[in-house]
Amino acid sequence: GESIAIVLSLVGARPVKEGTGRTVCYELIPLNELGRPRIDVLASLSGIFRDSFANVVDLLDDMFERAAIAGESPDMNYIKKHAMELEAGGTERPAARLF
């Protein structure tokens, strides 16, 4: 959980929970509330983590995909900035950050 919390903090996101307490997504914190740029993060996950917490991996992947297309300036969203650069270079899935 600590590693996920660090990723969320750097990206500028927070968990959204349903009534039962289960996390259903990671919401991007608005930049005016965050008060700083979104930091691009590359996460190297172990196979055990990936297999044991597939739902968390899916939620993180969705968060990175949304951050890459957010209606924000690339100067304040380094995920978007780098995804745009990778896309211009022909990279498939330029928002992928989980390996």
C-alpha atoms as a PDB file:
ATOM      1  CA  GLY A   1       0.000   0.000   0.000  1.00  0.00           C
ATOM      2  CA  GLU A   2       2.852   2.394   0.707  1.00  0.00           C
ATOM      3  CA  SER A   3       4.169   2.224  -2.861  1.00  0.00           C
ATOM      4  CA  ILE A   4       0.705   2.878  -4.286  1.00  0.00           C
ATOM      5  CA  ALA A   5       0.264   5.842  -1.931  1.00  0.00           C
ATOM      6  CA  ILE A   6       3.561   7.319  -3.143  1.00  0.00           C
ATOM      7  CA  VAL A   7       2.496   6.931  -6.797  1.00  0.00           C
ATOM      8  CA  LEU A   8      -0.873   8.565  -6.073  1.00  0.00           C
ATOM      9  CA  SER A   9       0.812  11.430  -4.248  1.00  0.00           C
ATOM     10  CA  LEU A  10       3.296  12.113  -7.050  1.00  0.00           C
ATOM     11  CA  VAL A  11       0.655  11.902  -9.778  1.00  0.00           C
ATOM     12  CA  GLY A  12      -1.842  13.942  -7.786  1.00  0.00           C
ATOM     13  CA  ALA A  13      -4.667  11.457  -7.377  1.00  0.00           C
ATOM     14  CA  ARG A  14      -6.793  10.025  -4.585  1.00  0.00           C
ATOM     15  CA  PRO A  15      -8.870   6.877  -4.180  1.00  0.00           C
ATOM     16  CA  VAL A  16     -12.620   7.006  -4.739  1.00  0.00           C
ATOM     17  CA  LYS A  17     -14.475   4.446  -2.666  1.00  0.00           C
ATOM     18  CA  GLU A  18     -17.943   2.989  -2.934  1.00  0.00           C
ATOM     19  CA  GLY A  19     -20.250   2.516   0.046  1.00  0.00           C
ATOM     20  CA  THR A  20     -18.579  -0.735   1.080  1.00  0.00           C
ATOM     21  CA  GLY A  21     -15.172   0.931   1.226  1.00  0.00           C
ATOM     22  CA  ARG A  22     -13.864  -0.744  -1.940  1.00  0.00           C
ATOM     23  CA  THR A  23     -11.732   1.541  -4.131  1.00  0.00           C
ATOM     24  CA  VAL A  24     -13.396   1.897  -7.542  1.00  0.00           C
ATOM     25  CA  CYS A  25     -11.012   4.389  -9.189  1.00  0.00           C
ATOM     26  CA  TYR A  26      -8.266   6.892  -8.596  1.00  0.00           C
ATOM     27  CA  GLU A  27      -9.515  10.432  -9.143  1.00  0.00           C
ATOM     28  CA  LEU A  28      -7.147  13.067 -10.501  1.00  0.00           C
ATOM     29  CA  ILE A  29      -6.976  15.970  -8.077  1.00  0.00           C
ATOM     30  CA  PRO A  30      -7.655  19.254  -9.934  1.00  0.00           C
ATOM     31  CA  LEU A  31      -4.412  21.132 -10.553  1.00  0.00           C
ATOM     32  CA  ASN A  32      -5.645  24.261  -8.771  1.00  0.00           C
ATOM     33  CA  GLU A  33      -6.202  22.125  -5.669  1.00  0.00           C
ATOM     34  CA  LEU A  34      -2.969  20.154  -6.154  1.00  0.00           C
ATOM     35  CA  GLY A  35      -0.904  23.332  -6.451  1.00  0.00           C
ATOM     36  CA  ARG A  36       1.927  21.772  -8.450  1.00  0.00           C
ATOM     37  CA  PRO A  37       2.508  19.801 -11.670  1.00  0.00           C
ATOM     38  CA  ARG A  38       1.607  16.143 -11.979  1.00  0.00           C
ATOM     39  CA  ILE A  39       4.798  14.095 -11.752  1.00  0.00           C
ATOM     40  CA  ASP A  40       5.355  11.324 -14.289  1.00  0.00           C
ATOM     41  CA  VAL A  41       5.976   7.972 -12.600  1.00  0.00           C
ATOM     42  CA  LEU A  42       7.229   4.696 -14.026  1.00  0.00           C
ATOM     43  CA  ALA A  43       6.250   1.720 -11.870  1.00  0.00           C
ATOM     44  CA  SER A  44       8.107  -1.575 -12.076  1.00  0.00           C
ATOM     45  CA  LEU A  45       5.811  -4.160 -10.525  1.00  0.00           C
ATOM     46  CA  SER A  46       6.742  -7.648  -9.421  1.00  0.00           C
ATOM     47  CA  GLY A  47       4.853 -10.560 -10.900  1.00  0.00           C
ATOM     48  CA  ILE A  48       3.533 -11.447  -7.470  1.00  0.00           C
ATOM     49  CA  PHE A  49       2.107  -7.927  -7.003  1.00  0.00           C
ATOM     50  CA  ARG A  50       0.669  -7.903 -10.532  1.00  0.00           C
ATOM     51  CA  ASP A  51      -0.997 -11.291 -10.039  1.00  0.00           C
ATOM     52  CA  SER A  52      -2.181 -10.682  -6.480  1.00  0.00           C
ATOM     53  CA  PHE A  53      -3.500  -7.165  -7.013  1.00  0.00           C
ATOM     54  CA  ALA A  54      -4.680  -7.163 -10.639  1.00  0.00           C
ATOM     55  CA  ASN A  55      -7.536  -4.823  -9.690  1.00  0.00           C
ATOM     56  CA  VAL A  56      -5.069  -2.219  -8.375  1.00  0.00           C
ATOM     57  CA  VAL A  57      -2.950  -2.525 -11.526  1.00  0.00           C
ATOM     58  CA  ASP A  58      -6.077  -1.923 -13.644  1.00  0.00           C
ATOM     59  CA  LEU A  59      -7.016   1.133 -11.553  1.00  0.00           C
ATOM     60  CA  LEU A  60      -3.501   2.574 -11.859  1.00  0.00           C
ATOM     61  CA  ASP A  61      -3.429   1.972 -15.612  1.00  0.00           C
ATOM     62  CA  ASP A  62      -6.779   3.740 -15.971  1.00  0.00           C
ATOM     63  CA  MET A  63      -5.492   6.671 -13.888  1.00  0.00           C
ATOM     64  CA  PHE A  64      -2.400   7.065 -16.094  1.00  0.00           C
ATOM     65  CA  GLU A  65      -4.492   6.856 -19.273  1.00  0.00           C
ATOM     66  CA  ARG A  66      -6.822   9.600 -17.982  1.00  0.00           C
ATOM     67  CA  ALA A  67      -3.908  11.765 -16.844  1.00  0.00           C
ATOM     68  CA  ALA A  68      -2.346  11.490 -20.321  1.00  0.00           C
ATOM     69  CA  ILE A  69      -5.446  12.939 -21.979  1.00  0.00           C
ATOM     70  CA  ALA A  70      -6.539  15.348 -19.233  1.00  0.00           C
ATOM     71  CA  GLY A  71      -7.478  18.843 -20.364  1.00  0.00           C
ATOM     72  CA  GLU A  72      -4.396  20.296 -18.710  1.00  0.00           C
ATOM     73  CA  SER A  73      -1.290  22.051 -19.953  1.00  0.00           C
ATOM     74  CA  PRO A  74       1.647  19.704 -20.556  1.00  0.00           C
ATOM     75  CA  ASP A  75       3.707  22.196 -18.534  1.00  0.00           C
ATOM     76  CA  MET A  76       1.649  21.229 -15.473  1.00  0.00           C
ATOM     77  CA  ASN A  77       1.087  17.561 -16.348  1.00  0.00           C
ATOM     78  CA  TYR A  78       4.320  15.723 -17.098  1.00  0.00           C
ATOM     79  CA  ILE A  79       2.430  12.490 -17.767  1.00  0.00           C
ATOM     80  CA  LYS A  80       0.594  14.215 -20.612  1.00  0.00           C
ATOM     81  CA  LYS A  81       3.778  15.922 -21.813  1.00  0.00           C
ATOM     82  CA  HIS A  82       5.739  12.680 -22.007  1.00  0.00           C
ATOM     83  CA  ALA A  83       2.819  10.707 -23.487  1.00  0.00           C
ATOM     84  CA  MET A  84       2.520  13.311 -26.266  1.00  0.00           C
ATOM     85  CA  GLU A  85       6.266  13.036 -26.961  1.00  0.00           C
ATOM     86  CA  LEU A  86       6.105   9.234 -27.041  1.00  0.00           C
ATOM     87  CA  GLU A  87       3.043   9.286 -29.299  1.00  0.00           C
ATOM     88  CA  ALA A  88       4.807  11.658 -31.712  1.00  0.00           C
ATOM     89  CA  GLY A  89       7.644   9.122 -31.854  1.00  0.00           C
ATOM     90  CA  GLY A  90       5.254   6.309 -32.772  1.00  0.00           C
ATOM     91  CA  THR A  91       5.093   4.530 -29.422  1.00  0.00           C
ATOM     92  CA  GLU A  92       2.084   2.266 -28.920  1.00  0.00           C
ATOM     93  CA  ARG A  93       0.197   2.994 -25.680  1.00  0.00           C
ATOM     94  CA  PRO A  94       2.231   6.112 -24.806  1.00  0.00           C
ATOM     95  CA  ALA A  95       0.426   6.442 -21.457  1.00  0.00           C
ATOM     96  CA  ALA A  96       1.585   3.025 -20.222  1.00  0.00           C
ATOM     97  CA  ARG A  97       3.558   3.429 -16.992  1.00  0.00           C
ATOM     98  CA  LEU A  98       3.300  -0.020 -15.387  1.00  0.00           C
ATOM     99  CA  PHE A  99       5.923  -2.634 -16.178  1.00  0.00           C
END
